[in-house]
Amino acid sequence: MAYKIDQTKCIGCHTCMGVCPAMAIGDSPDGKCVIDPTKCMSCGTCAAMCPVSAIAAEH
């Protein structure tokens, strides 16, 4: 179960990028963050740290 960033909520603060132990989060062309599902360890650290609750587990 990977996590996904809701692009309508993401403010591009990059907090998630700094806390991801798998380094699975990168920039999209518009400056918001995206998660590479092939690298995501599903630890939930990014979701817990997101200040705008833009990250959730993808079902």
PDB file of N, CA and C in Angstrom:
ATOM      1  N   MET A   1       0.846  -1.184   0.000  1.00  0.00           N
ATOM      2  CA  MET A   1       0.000   0.000   0.000  1.00  0.00           C
ATOM      3  C   MET A   1       0.885   1.239   0.000  1.00  0.00           C
ATOM      4  N   ALA A   2       0.921   1.918  -1.100  1.00  0.00           N
ATOM      5  CA  ALA A   2       1.703   3.145  -1.217  1.00  0.00           C
ATOM      6  C   ALA A   2       0.863   4.347  -0.806  1.00  0.00           C
ATOM      7  N   TYR A   3       1.518   5.448  -0.616  1.00  0.00           N
ATOM      8  CA  TYR A   3       0.839   6.693  -0.284  1.00  0.00           C
ATOM      9  C   TYR A   3       0.784   7.568  -1.520  1.00  0.00           C
ATOM     10  N   LYS A   4      -0.188   8.468  -1.539  1.00  0.00           N
ATOM     11  CA  LYS A   4      -0.368   9.361  -2.683  1.00  0.00           C
ATOM     12  C   LYS A   4      -0.613  10.779  -2.182  1.00  0.00           C
ATOM     13  N   ILE A   5      -0.117  11.744  -2.940  1.00  0.00           N
ATOM     14  CA  ILE A   5      -0.295  13.152  -2.592  1.00  0.00           C
ATOM     15  C   ILE A   5      -1.433  13.734  -3.426  1.00  0.00           C
ATOM     16  N   ASP A   6      -2.394  14.332  -2.747  1.00  0.00           N
ATOM     17  CA  ASP A   6      -3.504  15.010  -3.412  1.00  0.00           C
ATOM     18  C   ASP A   6      -2.967  16.343  -3.936  1.00  0.00           C
ATOM     19  N   GLN A   7      -2.841  16.443  -5.235  1.00  0.00           N
ATOM     20  CA  GLN A   7      -2.255  17.638  -5.856  1.00  0.00           C
ATOM     21  C   GLN A   7      -3.097  18.897  -5.648  1.00  0.00           C
ATOM     22  N   THR A   8      -4.373  18.728  -5.344  1.00  0.00           N
ATOM     23  CA  THR A   8      -5.214  19.903  -5.096  1.00  0.00           C
ATOM     24  C   THR A   8      -4.978  20.473  -3.700  1.00  0.00           C
ATOM     25  N   LYS A   9      -4.414  19.668  -2.804  1.00  0.00           N
ATOM     26  CA  LYS A   9      -4.133  20.123  -1.439  1.00  0.00           C
ATOM     27  C   LYS A   9      -2.664  20.494  -1.218  1.00  0.00           C
ATOM     28  N   CYS A  10      -1.756  19.874  -1.972  1.00  0.00           N
ATOM     29  CA  CYS A  10      -0.317  20.089  -1.792  1.00  0.00           C
ATOM     30  C   CYS A  10       0.041  21.559  -2.029  1.00  0.00           C
ATOM     31  N   ILE A  11       0.811  22.123  -1.090  1.00  0.00           N
ATOM     32  CA  ILE A  11       1.231  23.525  -1.205  1.00  0.00           C
ATOM     33  C   ILE A  11       2.700  23.656  -1.622  1.00  0.00           C
ATOM     34  N   GLY A  12       3.345  22.527  -1.876  1.00  0.00           N
ATOM     35  CA  GLY A  12       4.728  22.546  -2.340  1.00  0.00           C
ATOM     36  C   GLY A  12       5.739  22.947  -1.284  1.00  0.00           C
ATOM     37  N   CYS A  13       5.460  22.661  -0.026  1.00  0.00           N
ATOM     38  CA  CYS A  13       6.379  23.056   1.048  1.00  0.00           C
ATOM     39  C   CYS A  13       7.574  22.115   1.164  1.00  0.00           C
ATOM     40  N   HIS A  14       7.464  20.917   0.593  1.00  0.00           N
ATOM     41  CA  HIS A  14       8.528  19.904   0.562  1.00  0.00           C
ATOM     42  C   HIS A  14       8.882  19.312   1.923  1.00  0.00           C
ATOM     43  N   THR A  15       8.023  19.489   2.914  1.00  0.00           N
ATOM     44  CA  THR A  15       8.257  18.877   4.222  1.00  0.00           C
ATOM     45  C   THR A  15       8.342  17.362   4.074  1.00  0.00           C
ATOM     46  N   CYS A  16       7.447  16.786   3.308  1.00  0.00           N
ATOM     47  CA  CYS A  16       7.417  15.337   3.108  1.00  0.00           C
ATOM     48  C   CYS A  16       8.712  14.826   2.489  1.00  0.00           C
ATOM     49  N   MET A  17       9.248  15.588   1.562  1.00  0.00           N
ATOM     50  CA  MET A  17      10.471  15.191   0.888  1.00  0.00           C
ATOM     51  C   MET A  17      11.635  15.072   1.879  1.00  0.00           C
ATOM     52  N   GLY A  18      11.658  15.960   2.841  1.00  0.00           N
ATOM     53  CA  GLY A  18      12.731  15.961   3.822  1.00  0.00           C
ATOM     54  C   GLY A  18      12.648  14.856   4.849  1.00  0.00           C
ATOM     55  N   VAL A  19      11.465  14.298   5.065  1.00  0.00           N
ATOM     56  CA  VAL A  19      11.310  13.267   6.095  1.00  0.00           C
ATOM     57  C   VAL A  19      11.180  11.854   5.539  1.00  0.00           C
ATOM     58  N   CYS A  20      11.073  11.693   4.255  1.00  0.00           N
ATOM     59  CA  CYS A  20      10.885  10.365   3.658  1.00  0.00           C
ATOM     60  C   CYS A  20      12.175   9.544   3.759  1.00  0.00           C
ATOM     61  N   PRO A  21      12.147   8.439   4.523  1.00  0.00           N
ATOM     62  CA  PRO A  21      13.359   7.625   4.669  1.00  0.00           C
ATOM     63  C   PRO A  21      13.741   6.863   3.393  1.00  0.00           C
ATOM     64  N   ALA A  22      12.781   6.679   2.487  1.00  0.00           N
ATOM     65  CA  ALA A  22      13.039   5.949   1.248  1.00  0.00           C
ATOM     66  C   ALA A  22      13.417   6.883   0.096  1.00  0.00           C
ATOM     67  N   MET A  23      13.399   8.173   0.357  1.00  0.00           N
ATOM     68  CA  MET A  23      13.650   9.180  -0.676  1.00  0.00           C
ATOM     69  C   MET A  23      12.760   8.924  -1.901  1.00  0.00           C
ATOM     70  N   ALA A  24      11.485   8.656  -1.627  1.00  0.00           N
ATOM     71  CA  ALA A  24      10.525   8.323  -2.675  1.00  0.00           C
ATOM     72  C   ALA A  24       9.745   9.533  -3.174  1.00  0.00           C
ATOM     73  N   ILE A  25      10.019  10.710  -2.640  1.00  0.00           N
ATOM     74  CA  ILE A  25       9.244  11.892  -2.994  1.00  0.00           C
ATOM     75  C   ILE A  25      10.105  12.872  -3.782  1.00  0.00           C
ATOM     76  N   GLY A  26       9.529  13.351  -4.876  1.00  0.00           N
ATOM     77  CA  GLY A  26      10.229  14.299  -5.733  1.00  0.00           C
ATOM     78  C   GLY A  26       9.320  15.439  -6.140  1.00  0.00           C
ATOM     79  N   ASP A  27       9.871  16.328  -6.948  1.00  0.00           N
ATOM     80  CA  ASP A  27       9.134  17.490  -7.442  1.00  0.00           C
ATOM     81  C   ASP A  27       8.399  17.161  -8.728  1.00  0.00           C
ATOM     82  N   SER A  28       7.222  17.740  -8.881  1.00  0.00           N
ATOM     83  CA  SER A  28       6.531  17.677 -10.163  1.00  0.00           C
ATOM     84  C   SER A  28       6.857  18.988 -10.887  1.00  0.00           C
ATOM     85  N   PRO A  29       6.564  19.085 -12.166  1.00  0.00           N
ATOM     86  CA  PRO A  29       6.893  20.313 -12.905  1.00  0.00           C
ATOM     87  C   PRO A  29       6.270  21.590 -12.321  1.00  0.00           C
ATOM     88  N   ASP A  30       5.147  21.454 -11.616  1.00  0.00           N
ATOM     89  CA  ASP A  30       4.496  22.641 -11.054  1.00  0.00           C
ATOM     90  C   ASP A  30       4.995  22.987  -9.641  1.00  0.00           C
ATOM     91  N   GLY A  31       6.026  22.268  -9.162  1.00  0.00           N
ATOM     92  CA  GLY A  31       6.602  22.577  -7.858  1.00  0.00           C
ATOM     93  C   GLY A  31       5.985  21.842  -6.687  1.00  0.00           C
ATOM     94  N   LYS A  32       4.943  21.080  -6.960  1.00  0.00           N
ATOM     95  CA  LYS A  32       4.327  20.278  -5.905  1.00  0.00           C
ATOM     96  C   LYS A  32       5.065  18.948  -5.813  1.00  0.00           C
ATOM     97  N   CYS A  33       4.761  18.169  -4.803  1.00  0.00           N
ATOM     98  CA  CYS A  33       5.465  16.912  -4.577  1.00  0.00           C
ATOM     99  C   CYS A  33       4.690  15.721  -5.124  1.00  0.00           C
ATOM    100  N   VAL A  34       5.433  14.705  -5.536  1.00  0.00           N
ATOM    101  CA  VAL A  34       4.844  13.455  -6.004  1.00  0.00           C
ATOM    102  C   VAL A  34       5.616  12.296  -5.377  1.00  0.00           C
ATOM    103  N   ILE A  35       4.917  11.187  -5.144  1.00  0.00           N
ATOM    104  CA  ILE A  35       5.531  10.006  -4.557  1.00  0.00           C
ATOM    105  C   ILE A  35       5.723   8.941  -5.625  1.00  0.00           C
ATOM    106  N   ASP A  36       6.923   8.389  -5.685  1.00  0.00           N
ATOM    107  CA  ASP A  36       7.208   7.274  -6.582  1.00  0.00           C
ATOM    108  C   ASP A  36       6.747   6.001  -5.872  1.00  0.00           C
ATOM    109  N   PRO A  37       5.669   5.379  -6.329  1.00  0.00           N
ATOM    110  CA  PRO A  37       5.125   4.206  -5.632  1.00  0.00           C
ATOM    111  C   PRO A  37       6.073   3.011  -5.624  1.00  0.00           C
ATOM    112  N   THR A  38       7.025   2.977  -6.536  1.00  0.00           N
ATOM    113  CA  THR A  38       7.979   1.867  -6.557  1.00  0.00           C
ATOM    114  C   THR A  38       9.028   1.999  -5.461  1.00  0.00           C
ATOM    115  N   LYS A  39       9.184   3.186  -4.903  1.00  0.00           N
ATOM    116  CA  LYS A  39      10.152   3.417  -3.824  1.00  0.00           C
ATOM    117  C   LYS A  39       9.489   3.539  -2.452  1.00  0.00           C
ATOM    118  N   CYS A  40       8.205   3.849  -2.435  1.00  0.00           N
ATOM    119  CA  CYS A  40       7.483   4.077  -1.177  1.00  0.00           C
ATOM    120  C   CYS A  40       7.471   2.823  -0.312  1.00  0.00           C
ATOM    121  N   MET A  41       7.858   2.966   0.958  1.00  0.00           N
ATOM    122  CA  MET A  41       7.880   1.854   1.913  1.00  0.00           C
ATOM    123  C   MET A  41       6.588   1.782   2.731  1.00  0.00           C
ATOM    124  N   SER A  42       5.660   2.683   2.469  1.00  0.00           N
ATOM    125  CA  SER A  42       4.375   2.744   3.172  1.00  0.00           C
ATOM    126  C   SER A  42       4.525   2.944   4.672  1.00  0.00           C
ATOM    127  N   CYS A  43       5.511   3.728   5.075  1.00  0.00           N
ATOM    128  CA  CYS A  43       5.746   3.938   6.503  1.00  0.00           C
ATOM    129  C   CYS A  43       4.810   4.993   7.095  1.00  0.00           C
ATOM    130  N   GLY A  44       4.296   5.899   6.245  1.00  0.00           N
ATOM    131  CA  GLY A  44       3.362   6.914   6.707  1.00  0.00           C
ATOM    132  C   GLY A  44       3.988   8.164   7.292  1.00  0.00           C
ATOM    133  N   THR A  45       5.310   8.241   7.300  1.00  0.00           N
ATOM    134  CA  THR A  45       5.985   9.415   7.864  1.00  0.00           C
ATOM    135  C   THR A  45       5.585  10.689   7.124  1.00  0.00           C
ATOM    136  N   CYS A  46       5.518  10.615   5.829  1.00  0.00           N
ATOM    137  CA  CYS A  46       5.174  11.793   5.033  1.00  0.00           C
ATOM    138  C   CYS A  46       3.768  12.293   5.374  1.00  0.00           C
ATOM    139  N   ALA A  47       2.824  11.362   5.476  1.00  0.00           N
ATOM    140  CA  ALA A  47       1.442  11.730   5.798  1.00  0.00           C
ATOM    141  C   ALA A  47       1.337  12.356   7.177  1.00  0.00           C
ATOM    142  N   ALA A  48       2.103  11.830   8.119  1.00  0.00           N
ATOM    143  CA  ALA A  48       2.069  12.358   9.485  1.00  0.00           C
ATOM    144  C   ALA A  48       2.656  13.765   9.567  1.00  0.00           C
ATOM    145  N   MET A  49       3.597  14.074   8.702  1.00  0.00           N
ATOM    146  CA  MET A  49       4.283  15.368   8.759  1.00  0.00           C
ATOM    147  C   MET A  49       3.683  16.439   7.848  1.00  0.00           C
ATOM    148  N   CYS A  50       2.822  16.060   6.920  1.00  0.00           N
ATOM    149  CA  CYS A  50       2.255  17.028   5.974  1.00  0.00           C
ATOM    150  C   CYS A  50       1.390  18.048   6.714  1.00  0.00           C
ATOM    151  N   PRO A  51       1.732  19.342   6.605  1.00  0.00           N
ATOM    152  CA  PRO A  51       0.982  20.358   7.348  1.00  0.00           C
ATOM    153  C   PRO A  51      -0.434  20.614   6.826  1.00  0.00           C
ATOM    154  N   VAL A  52      -0.739  20.143   5.622  1.00  0.00           N
ATOM    155  CA  VAL A  52      -2.072  20.380   5.057  1.00  0.00           C
ATOM    156  C   VAL A  52      -2.840  19.076   4.795  1.00  0.00           C
ATOM    157  N   SER A  53      -2.354  17.981   5.354  1.00  0.00           N
ATOM    158  CA  SER A  53      -3.003  16.668   5.210  1.00  0.00           C
ATOM    159  C   SER A  53      -3.286  16.297   3.760  1.00  0.00           C
ATOM    160  N   ALA A  54      -2.286  16.523   2.896  1.00  0.00           N
ATOM    161  CA  ALA A  54      -2.456  16.237   1.476  1.00  0.00           C
ATOM    162  C   ALA A  54      -2.057  14.818   1.113  1.00  0.00           C
ATOM    163  N   ILE A  55      -1.529  14.053   2.076  1.00  0.00           N
ATOM    164  CA  ILE A  55      -1.017  12.713   1.779  1.00  0.00           C
ATOM    165  C   ILE A  55      -1.844  11.660   2.504  1.00  0.00           C
ATOM    166  N   ALA A  56      -2.223  10.629   1.762  1.00  0.00           N
ATOM    167  CA  ALA A  56      -3.021   9.549   2.347  1.00  0.00           C
ATOM    168  C   ALA A  56      -2.641   8.232   1.695  1.00  0.00           C
ATOM    169  N   ALA A  57      -2.938   7.135   2.380  1.00  0.00           N
ATOM    170  CA  ALA A  57      -2.697   5.807   1.838  1.00  0.00           C
ATOM    171  C   ALA A  57      -3.609   5.592   0.643  1.00  0.00           C
ATOM    172  N   GLU A  58      -3.029   5.015  -0.396  1.00  0.00           N
ATOM    173  CA  GLU A  58      -3.783   4.721  -1.608  1.00  0.00           C
ATOM    174  C   GLU A  58      -4.354   3.309  -1.482  1.00  0.00           C
ATOM    175  N   HIS A  59      -5.649   3.175  -1.628  1.00  0.00           N
ATOM    176  CA  HIS A  59      -6.284   1.870  -1.459  1.00  0.00           C
ATOM    177  C   HIS A  59      -6.495   1.197  -2.784  1.00  0.00           C
TER     178      HIS A  59
END
